[in-house]
Amino acid sequence: AKQFPNDIDSYCLGKEQFIKKIDMQAAKAVTTPNYTLAGA
C-alpha cells in the first residue's frame, strides 16, 4: 500500500505469490475438498 498507494492492480499483483503459497499449504492441510449446499 505504501509502494502503490493509488495502483490497485500493482497492489493485487504484489500479493499473488504469497496467496498462491498459502493456497498450496492450505490445500495440503485439509482433507475436505468440497462444500455441500443443502437443498440443491
All heavy atoms as atom14 arrays in JSON, in Angstrom:
{
  "sequence": "AKQFPNDIDSYCLGKEQFIKKIDMQAAKAVTTPNYTLAGA",
  "atom14_mask": [
    [1, 1, 1, 1, 1, 0, 0, 0, 0, 0, 0, 0, 0, 0],
    [1, 1, 1, 1, 1, 1, 1, 1, 1, 0, 0, 0, 0, 0],
    [1, 1, 1, 1, 1, 1, 1, 1, 1, 0, 0, 0, 0, 0],
    [1, 1, 1, 1, 1, 1, 1, 1, 1, 1, 1, 0, 0, 0],
    [1, 1, 1, 1, 1, 1, 1, 0, 0, 0, 0, 0, 0, 0],
    [1, 1, 1, 1, 1, 1, 1, 1, 0, 0, 0, 0, 0, 0],
    [1, 1, 1, 1, 1, 1, 1, 1, 0, 0, 0, 0, 0, 0],
    [1, 1, 1, 1, 1, 1, 1, 1, 0, 0, 0, 0, 0, 0],
    [1, 1, 1, 1, 1, 1, 1, 1, 0, 0, 0, 0, 0, 0],
    [1, 1, 1, 1, 1, 1, 0, 0, 0, 0, 0, 0, 0, 0],
    [1, 1, 1, 1, 1, 1, 1, 1, 1, 1, 1, 1, 0, 0],
    [1, 1, 1, 1, 1, 1, 0, 0, 0, 0, 0, 0, 0, 0],
    [1, 1, 1, 1, 1, 1, 1, 1, 0, 0, 0, 0, 0, 0],
    [1, 1, 1, 1, 0, 0, 0, 0, 0, 0, 0, 0, 0, 0],
    [1, 1, 1, 1, 1, 1, 1, 1, 1, 0, 0, 0, 0, 0],
    [1, 1, 1, 1, 1, 1, 1, 1, 1, 0, 0, 0, 0, 0],
    [1, 1, 1, 1, 1, 1, 1, 1, 1, 0, 0, 0, 0, 0],
    [1, 1, 1, 1, 1, 1, 1, 1, 1, 1, 1, 0, 0, 0],
    [1, 1, 1, 1, 1, 1, 1, 1, 0, 0, 0, 0, 0, 0],
    [1, 1, 1, 1, 1, 1, 1, 1, 1, 0, 0, 0, 0, 0],
    [1, 1, 1, 1, 1, 1, 1, 1, 1, 0, 0, 0, 0, 0],
    [1, 1, 1, 1, 1, 1, 1, 1, 0, 0, 0, 0, 0, 0],
    [1, 1, 1, 1, 1, 1, 1, 1, 0, 0, 0, 0, 0, 0],
    [1, 1, 1, 1, 1, 1, 1, 1, 0, 0, 0, 0, 0, 0],
    [1, 1, 1, 1, 1, 1, 1, 1, 1, 0, 0, 0, 0, 0],
    [1, 1, 1, 1, 1, 0, 0, 0, 0, 0, 0, 0, 0, 0],
    [1, 1, 1, 1, 1, 0, 0, 0, 0, 0, 0, 0, 0, 0],
    [1, 1, 1, 1, 1, 1, 1, 1, 1, 0, 0, 0, 0, 0],
    [1, 1, 1, 1, 1, 0, 0, 0, 0, 0, 0, 0, 0, 0],
    [1, 1, 1, 1, 1, 1, 1, 0, 0, 0, 0, 0, 0, 0],
    [1, 1, 1, 1, 1, 1, 1, 0, 0, 0, 0, 0, 0, 0],
    [1, 1, 1, 1, 1, 1, 1, 0, 0, 0, 0, 0, 0, 0],
    [1, 1, 1, 1, 1, 1, 1, 0, 0, 0, 0, 0, 0, 0],
    [1, 1, 1, 1, 1, 1, 1, 1, 0, 0, 0, 0, 0, 0],
    [1, 1, 1, 1, 1, 1, 1, 1, 1, 1, 1, 1, 0, 0],
    [1, 1, 1, 1, 1, 1, 1, 0, 0, 0, 0, 0, 0, 0],
    [1, 1, 1, 1, 1, 1, 1, 1, 0, 0, 0, 0, 0, 0],
    [1, 1, 1, 1, 1, 0, 0, 0, 0, 0, 0, 0, 0, 0],
    [1, 1, 1, 1, 0, 0, 0, 0, 0, 0, 0, 0, 0, 0],
    [1, 1, 1, 1, 1, 0, 0, 0, 0, 0, 0, 0, 0, 0]
  ],
  "atom14_positions": [
    [[0.83, -1.21, 0.0], [0.0, 0.0, 0.0], [0.86, 1.26, 0.0], [0.51, 2.27, -0.6], [-0.94, -0.01, 1.2], [0.0, 0.0, 0.0], [0.0, 0.0, 0.0], [0.0, 0.0, 0.0], [0.0, 0.0, 0.0], [0.0, 0.0, 0.0], [0.0, 0.0, 0.0], [0.0, 0.0, 0.0], [0.0, 0.0, 0.0], [0.0, 0.0, 0.0]],
    [[2.02, 1.2, 0.67], [2.94, 2.33, 0.64], [3.62, 2.45, -0.72], [3.84, 3.55, -1.23], [4.01, 2.16, 1.73], [3.49, 2.33, 3.14], [4.6, 2.13, 4.16], [4.1, 2.27, 5.59], [5.17, 2.02, 6.59], [0.0, 0.0, 0.0], [0.0, 0.0, 0.0], [0.0, 0.0, 0.0], [0.0, 0.0, 0.0], [0.0, 0.0, 0.0]],
    [[3.96, 1.3, -1.31], [4.65, 1.31, -2.59], [3.73, 1.7, -3.75], [4.13, 2.39, -4.68], [5.24, -0.08, -2.85], [6.12, -0.17, -4.1], [6.72, -1.55, -4.27], [6.53, -2.44, -3.43], [7.44, -1.73, -5.35], [0.0, 0.0, 0.0], [0.0, 0.0, 0.0], [0.0, 0.0, 0.0], [0.0, 0.0, 0.0], [0.0, 0.0, 0.0]],
    [[2.46, 1.25, -3.68], [1.49, 1.52, -4.76], [0.22, 2.13, -4.16], [-0.85, 1.52, -4.19], [1.15, 0.23, -5.5], [2.33, -0.54, -6.01], [2.7, -1.73, -5.41], [3.06, -0.08, -7.1], [3.78, -2.46, -5.88], [4.15, -0.8, -7.58], [4.51, -1.99, -6.97], [0.0, 0.0, 0.0], [0.0, 0.0, 0.0], [0.0, 0.0, 0.0]],
    [[0.31, 3.32, -3.6], [-0.84, 3.88, -2.87], [-2.08, 4.12, -3.72], [-3.19, 4.15, -3.19], [-0.29, 5.2, -2.31], [0.84, 5.55, -3.22], [1.46, 4.25, -3.61], [0.0, 0.0, 0.0], [0.0, 0.0, 0.0], [0.0, 0.0, 0.0], [0.0, 0.0, 0.0], [0.0, 0.0, 0.0], [0.0, 0.0, 0.0], [0.0, 0.0, 0.0]],
    [[-1.9, 4.29, -5.04], [-3.04, 4.57, -5.91], [-3.14, 3.59, -7.08], [-3.8, 3.88, -8.08], [-2.95, 6.0, -6.46], [-2.89, 7.03, -5.36], [-1.82, 7.58, -5.07], [-4.02, 7.29, -4.71], [0.0, 0.0, 0.0], [0.0, 0.0, 0.0], [0.0, 0.0, 0.0], [0.0, 0.0, 0.0], [0.0, 0.0, 0.0], [0.0, 0.0, 0.0]],
    [[-2.47, 2.45, -6.96], [-2.43, 1.49, -8.06], [-2.91, 0.13, -7.55], [-2.12, -0.7, -7.11], [-1.0, 1.39, -8.6], [-0.88, 0.51, -9.82], [-1.87, -0.17, -10.17], [0.21, 0.49, -10.44], [0.0, 0.0, 0.0], [0.0, 0.0, 0.0], [0.0, 0.0, 0.0], [0.0, 0.0, 0.0], [0.0, 0.0, 0.0], [0.0, 0.0, 0.0]],
    [[-4.23, -0.1, -7.65], [-4.79, -1.33, -7.09], [-4.32, -2.56, -7.84], [-4.15, -3.64, -7.25], [-6.34, -1.25, -7.09], [-6.94, -2.44, -6.32], [-6.88, -1.18, -8.51], [-6.61, -2.47, -4.86], [0.0, 0.0, 0.0], [0.0, 0.0, 0.0], [0.0, 0.0, 0.0], [0.0, 0.0, 0.0], [0.0, 0.0, 0.0], [0.0, 0.0, 0.0]],
    [[-4.07, -2.47, -9.16], [-3.61, -3.62, -9.93], [-2.24, -4.09, -9.45], [-2.0, -5.29, -9.24], [-3.56, -3.3, -11.43], [-4.95, -3.14, -12.03], [-5.91, -3.68, -11.45], [-5.08, -2.48, -13.07], [0.0, 0.0, 0.0], [0.0, 0.0, 0.0], [0.0, 0.0, 0.0], [0.0, 0.0, 0.0], [0.0, 0.0, 0.0], [0.0, 0.0, 0.0]],
    [[-1.31, -3.13, -9.27], [0.04, -3.49, -8.8], [-0.01, -4.01, -7.37], [0.73, -4.93, -6.99], [0.97, -2.28, -8.89], [1.17, -1.9, -10.23], [0.0, 0.0, 0.0], [0.0, 0.0, 0.0], [0.0, 0.0, 0.0], [0.0, 0.0, 0.0], [0.0, 0.0, 0.0], [0.0, 0.0, 0.0], [0.0, 0.0, 0.0], [0.0, 0.0, 0.0]],
    [[-0.89, -3.43, -6.56], [-1.07, -3.9, -5.19], [-1.52, -5.37, -5.18], [-0.95, -6.2, -4.45], [-2.11, -3.02, -4.48], [-2.57, -3.55, -3.14], [-1.82, -3.34, -1.99], [-3.76, -4.28, -3.04], [-2.25, -3.83, -0.75], [-4.19, -4.77, -1.82], [-3.43, -4.55, -0.69], [-3.85, -5.05, 0.53], [0.0, 0.0, 0.0], [0.0, 0.0, 0.0]],
    [[-2.5, -5.7, -6.01], [-3.01, -7.08, -6.06], [-1.96, -8.04, -6.62], [-1.79, -9.16, -6.12], [-4.28, -7.14, -6.9], [-5.7, -6.33, -6.12], [0.0, 0.0, 0.0], [0.0, 0.0, 0.0], [0.0, 0.0, 0.0], [0.0, 0.0, 0.0], [0.0, 0.0, 0.0], [0.0, 0.0, 0.0], [0.0, 0.0, 0.0], [0.0, 0.0, 0.0]],
    [[-1.24, -7.61, -7.65], [-0.19, -8.45, -8.22], [0.91, -8.74, -7.19], [1.47, -9.84, -7.16], [0.41, -7.79, -9.46], [-0.41, -7.86, -10.74], [0.21, -6.97, -11.82], [-0.53, -9.29, -11.24], [0.0, 0.0, 0.0], [0.0, 0.0, 0.0], [0.0, 0.0, 0.0], [0.0, 0.0, 0.0], [0.0, 0.0, 0.0], [0.0, 0.0, 0.0]],
    [[1.18, -7.76, -6.35], [2.21, -7.94, -5.33], [1.85, -8.99, -4.3], [2.73, -9.55, -3.62], [0.0, 0.0, 0.0], [0.0, 0.0, 0.0], [0.0, 0.0, 0.0], [0.0, 0.0, 0.0], [0.0, 0.0, 0.0], [0.0, 0.0, 0.0], [0.0, 0.0, 0.0], [0.0, 0.0, 0.0], [0.0, 0.0, 0.0], [0.0, 0.0, 0.0]],
    [[0.56, -9.3, -4.16], [0.12, -10.3, -3.18], [0.05, -11.7, -3.77], [-0.09, -12.67, -3.02], [-1.28, -9.93, -2.65], [-1.36, -8.63, -1.89], [-2.71, -8.5, -1.19], [-3.87, -8.49, -2.18], [-5.18, -8.44, -1.5], [0.0, 0.0, 0.0], [0.0, 0.0, 0.0], [0.0, 0.0, 0.0], [0.0, 0.0, 0.0], [0.0, 0.0, 0.0]],
    [[0.13, -11.81, -5.09], [-0.17, -13.08, -5.76], [0.68, -14.25, -5.28], [0.17, -15.34, -5.02], [-0.06, -12.93, -7.29], [-1.32, -12.42, -7.92], [-1.32, -12.58, -9.42], [-0.34, -13.1, -9.99], [-2.31, -12.16, -10.04], [0.0, 0.0, 0.0], [0.0, 0.0, 0.0], [0.0, 0.0, 0.0], [0.0, 0.0, 0.0], [0.0, 0.0, 0.0]],
    [[1.99, -14.06, -5.21], [2.86, -15.16, -4.84], [2.6, -15.63, -3.41], [2.6, -16.83, -3.12], [4.33, -14.77, -5.02], [4.78, -14.73, -6.48], [4.52, -16.03, -7.21], [4.85, -17.11, -6.72], [3.9, -15.94, -8.37], [0.0, 0.0, 0.0], [0.0, 0.0, 0.0], [0.0, 0.0, 0.0], [0.0, 0.0, 0.0], [0.0, 0.0, 0.0]],
    [[2.37, -14.68, -2.5], [2.06, -15.05, -1.12], [0.76, -15.85, -1.08], [0.67, -16.89, -0.4], [1.94, -13.81, -0.24], [1.65, -14.11, 1.2], [2.68, -14.27, 2.12], [0.33, -14.25, 1.65], [2.41, -14.57, 3.45], [0.06, -14.54, 2.98], [1.1, -14.7, 3.88], [0.0, 0.0, 0.0], [0.0, 0.0, 0.0], [0.0, 0.0, 0.0]],
    [[-0.26, -15.37, -1.8], [-1.56, -16.04, -1.8], [-1.45, -17.44, -2.39], [-2.02, -18.4, -1.86], [-2.59, -15.19, -2.57], [-2.92, -13.92, -1.77], [-3.85, -15.98, -2.86], [-3.79, -12.93, -2.5], [0.0, 0.0, 0.0], [0.0, 0.0, 0.0], [0.0, 0.0, 0.0], [0.0, 0.0, 0.0], [0.0, 0.0, 0.0], [0.0, 0.0, 0.0]],
    [[-0.69, -17.58, -3.48], [-0.54, -18.9, -4.1], [0.16, -19.86, -3.14], [-0.21, -21.04, -3.04], [0.25, -18.78, -5.4], [0.22, -20.04, -6.26], [0.69, -19.75, -7.68], [0.41, -20.92, -8.6], [0.67, -20.63, -10.01], [0.0, 0.0, 0.0], [0.0, 0.0, 0.0], [0.0, 0.0, 0.0], [0.0, 0.0, 0.0], [0.0, 0.0, 0.0]],
    [[1.14, -19.36, -2.41], [1.86, -20.19, -1.45], [0.92, -20.66, -0.33], [0.93, -21.84, 0.06], [3.03, -19.4, -0.85], [3.9, -20.19, 0.1], [5.06, -19.33, 0.6], [5.93, -20.09, 1.6], [7.05, -19.25, 2.1], [0.0, 0.0, 0.0], [0.0, 0.0, 0.0], [0.0, 0.0, 0.0], [0.0, 0.0, 0.0], [0.0, 0.0, 0.0]],
    [[0.09, -19.75, 0.17], [-0.86, -20.11, 1.22], [-1.92, -21.06, 0.67], [-2.33, -22.02, 1.35], [-1.53, -18.86, 1.82], [-0.49, -17.98, 2.51], [-2.64, -19.25, 2.8], [0.23, -18.65, 3.66], [0.0, 0.0, 0.0], [0.0, 0.0, 0.0], [0.0, 0.0, 0.0], [0.0, 0.0, 0.0], [0.0, 0.0, 0.0], [0.0, 0.0, 0.0]],
    [[-2.38, -20.82, -0.56], [-3.34, -21.74, -1.18], [-2.8, -23.17, -1.2], [-3.52, -24.13, -0.91], [-3.65, -21.29, -2.61], [-4.64, -20.14, -2.68], [-5.37, -19.93, -1.69], [-4.69, -19.45, -3.72], [0.0, 0.0, 0.0], [0.0, 0.0, 0.0], [0.0, 0.0, 0.0], [0.0, 0.0, 0.0], [0.0, 0.0, 0.0], [0.0, 0.0, 0.0]],
    [[-1.53, -23.33, -1.57], [-0.91, -24.64, -1.63], [-0.84, -25.26, -0.23], [-1.19, -26.43, -0.03], [0.49, -24.55, -2.23], [0.51, -24.46, -3.74], [-0.01, -26.0, -4.52], [1.36, -27.08, -4.09], [0.0, 0.0, 0.0], [0.0, 0.0, 0.0], [0.0, 0.0, 0.0], [0.0, 0.0, 0.0], [0.0, 0.0, 0.0], [0.0, 0.0, 0.0]],
    [[-0.38, -24.48, 0.73], [-0.25, -25.0, 2.09], [-1.62, -25.36, 2.68], [-1.77, -26.38, 3.35], [0.46, -23.97, 2.97], [1.91, -23.75, 2.58], [2.54, -22.57, 3.3], [1.85, -21.74, 3.89], [3.87, -22.48, 3.25], [0.0, 0.0, 0.0], [0.0, 0.0, 0.0], [0.0, 0.0, 0.0], [0.0, 0.0, 0.0], [0.0, 0.0, 0.0]],
    [[-2.61, -24.53, 2.4], [-3.96, -24.78, 2.91], [-4.56, -26.03, 2.27], [-5.24, -26.82, 2.94], [-4.84, -23.57, 2.65], [0.0, 0.0, 0.0], [0.0, 0.0, 0.0], [0.0, 0.0, 0.0], [0.0, 0.0, 0.0], [0.0, 0.0, 0.0], [0.0, 0.0, 0.0], [0.0, 0.0, 0.0], [0.0, 0.0, 0.0], [0.0, 0.0, 0.0]],
    [[-4.32, -26.21, 0.96], [-4.86, -27.38, 0.26], [-4.25, -28.67, 0.78], [-4.91, -29.71, 0.85], [-4.61, -27.24, -1.24], [0.0, 0.0, 0.0], [0.0, 0.0, 0.0], [0.0, 0.0, 0.0], [0.0, 0.0, 0.0], [0.0, 0.0, 0.0], [0.0, 0.0, 0.0], [0.0, 0.0, 0.0], [0.0, 0.0, 0.0], [0.0, 0.0, 0.0]],
    [[-2.98, -28.62, 1.16], [-2.31, -29.82, 1.68], [-2.68, -30.1, 3.14], [-2.5, -31.22, 3.62], [-0.79, -29.65, 1.57], [-0.28, -29.68, 0.13], [1.22, -29.46, 0.06], [1.72, -29.51, -1.38], [3.18, -29.28, -1.47], [0.0, 0.0, 0.0], [0.0, 0.0, 0.0], [0.0, 0.0, 0.0], [0.0, 0.0, 0.0], [0.0, 0.0, 0.0]],
    [[-3.22, -29.09, 3.81], [-3.51, -29.24, 5.24], [-4.91, -29.76, 5.52], [-5.22, -30.1, 6.66], [-3.32, -27.9, 5.95], [0.0, 0.0, 0.0], [0.0, 0.0, 0.0], [0.0, 0.0, 0.0], [0.0, 0.0, 0.0], [0.0, 0.0, 0.0], [0.0, 0.0, 0.0], [0.0, 0.0, 0.0], [0.0, 0.0, 0.0], [0.0, 0.0, 0.0]],
    [[-5.77, -29.83, 4.49], [-7.15, -30.26, 4.71], [-7.45, -31.54, 3.94], [-6.72, -31.93, 3.03], [-8.16, -29.17, 4.28], [-7.91, -27.89, 5.04], [-8.07, -28.91, 2.78], [0.0, 0.0, 0.0], [0.0, 0.0, 0.0], [0.0, 0.0, 0.0], [0.0, 0.0, 0.0], [0.0, 0.0, 0.0], [0.0, 0.0, 0.0], [0.0, 0.0, 0.0]],
    [[-8.53, -32.2, 4.33], [-8.95, -33.42, 3.64], [-10.32, -33.28, 2.99], [-10.73, -34.14, 2.23], [-9.01, -34.6, 4.64], [-9.88, -34.26, 5.73], [-7.62, -34.9, 5.19], [0.0, 0.0, 0.0], [0.0, 0.0, 0.0], [0.0, 0.0, 0.0], [0.0, 0.0, 0.0], [0.0, 0.0, 0.0], [0.0, 0.0, 0.0], [0.0, 0.0, 0.0]],
    [[-11.04, -32.2, 3.3], [-12.38, -31.99, 2.74], [-12.3, -31.12, 1.5], [-11.98, -29.94, 1.59], [-13.31, -31.33, 3.78], [-13.31, -32.12, 4.96], [-14.72, -31.23, 3.23], [0.0, 0.0, 0.0], [0.0, 0.0, 0.0], [0.0, 0.0, 0.0], [0.0, 0.0, 0.0], [0.0, 0.0, 0.0], [0.0, 0.0, 0.0], [0.0, 0.0, 0.0]],
    [[-12.6, -31.68, 0.31], [-12.41, -30.91, -0.92], [-13.62, -30.12, -1.39], [-13.51, -29.33, -2.31], [-12.08, -32.0, -1.94], [-12.85, -33.19, -1.47], [-12.9, -33.09, 0.04], [0.0, 0.0, 0.0], [0.0, 0.0, 0.0], [0.0, 0.0, 0.0], [0.0, 0.0, 0.0], [0.0, 0.0, 0.0], [0.0, 0.0, 0.0], [0.0, 0.0, 0.0]],
    [[-14.79, -30.33, -0.78], [-15.98, -29.71, -1.36], [-16.84, -29.03, -0.32], [-16.67, -29.2, 0.89], [-16.81, -30.76, -2.11], [-17.45, -31.76, -1.15], [-16.87, -32.1, -0.13], [-18.63, -32.23, -1.48], [0.0, 0.0, 0.0], [0.0, 0.0, 0.0], [0.0, 0.0, 0.0], [0.0, 0.0, 0.0], [0.0, 0.0, 0.0], [0.0, 0.0, 0.0]],
    [[-17.8, -28.26, -0.81], [-18.78, -27.59, 0.04], [-20.14, -28.18, -0.3], [-20.53, -28.23, -1.47], [-18.77, -26.09, -0.22], [-19.64, -25.3, 0.73], [-19.1, -24.76, 1.88], [-21.0, -25.12, 0.49], [-19.88, -24.03, 2.78], [-21.79, -24.41, 1.38], [-21.23, -23.86, 2.51], [-22.01, -23.16, 3.4], [0.0, 0.0, 0.0], [0.0, 0.0, 0.0]],
    [[-20.87, -28.65, 0.69], [-22.18, -29.25, 0.45], [-23.27, -28.22, 0.74], [-23.38, -27.71, 1.85], [-22.38, -30.49, 1.33], [-21.33, -31.43, 1.06], [-23.72, -31.14, 1.03], [0.0, 0.0, 0.0], [0.0, 0.0, 0.0], [0.0, 0.0, 0.0], [0.0, 0.0, 0.0], [0.0, 0.0, 0.0], [0.0, 0.0, 0.0], [0.0, 0.0, 0.0]],
    [[-24.08, -27.96, -0.28], [-25.16, -26.98, -0.16], [-26.48, -27.72, 0.04], [-26.9, -28.51, -0.81], [-25.21, -26.12, -1.42], [-26.25, -24.99, -1.46], [-25.94, -23.95, -0.39], [-26.27, -24.34, -2.83], [0.0, 0.0, 0.0], [0.0, 0.0, 0.0], [0.0, 0.0, 0.0], [0.0, 0.0, 0.0], [0.0, 0.0, 0.0], [0.0, 0.0, 0.0]],
    [[-27.12, -27.47, 1.16], [-28.37, -28.16, 1.47], [-29.48, -27.77, 0.51], [-29.62, -26.6, 0.13], [-28.79, -27.84, 2.92], [0.0, 0.0, 0.0], [0.0, 0.0, 0.0], [0.0, 0.0, 0.0], [0.0, 0.0, 0.0], [0.0, 0.0, 0.0], [0.0, 0.0, 0.0], [0.0, 0.0, 0.0], [0.0, 0.0, 0.0], [0.0, 0.0, 0.0]],
    [[-30.28, -28.75, 0.1], [-31.45, -28.49, -0.74], [-31.17, -28.24, -2.19], [-32.07, -27.87, -2.95], [0.0, 0.0, 0.0], [0.0, 0.0, 0.0], [0.0, 0.0, 0.0], [0.0, 0.0, 0.0], [0.0, 0.0, 0.0], [0.0, 0.0, 0.0], [0.0, 0.0, 0.0], [0.0, 0.0, 0.0], [0.0, 0.0, 0.0], [0.0, 0.0, 0.0]],
    [[-29.92, -28.45, -2.64], [-29.56, -28.17, -4.04], [-29.82, -29.39, -4.91], [-29.46, -30.51, -4.55], [-28.11, -27.76, -4.13], [0.0, 0.0, 0.0], [0.0, 0.0, 0.0], [0.0, 0.0, 0.0], [0.0, 0.0, 0.0], [0.0, 0.0, 0.0], [0.0, 0.0, 0.0], [0.0, 0.0, 0.0], [0.0, 0.0, 0.0], [0.0, 0.0, 0.0]]
  ]
}
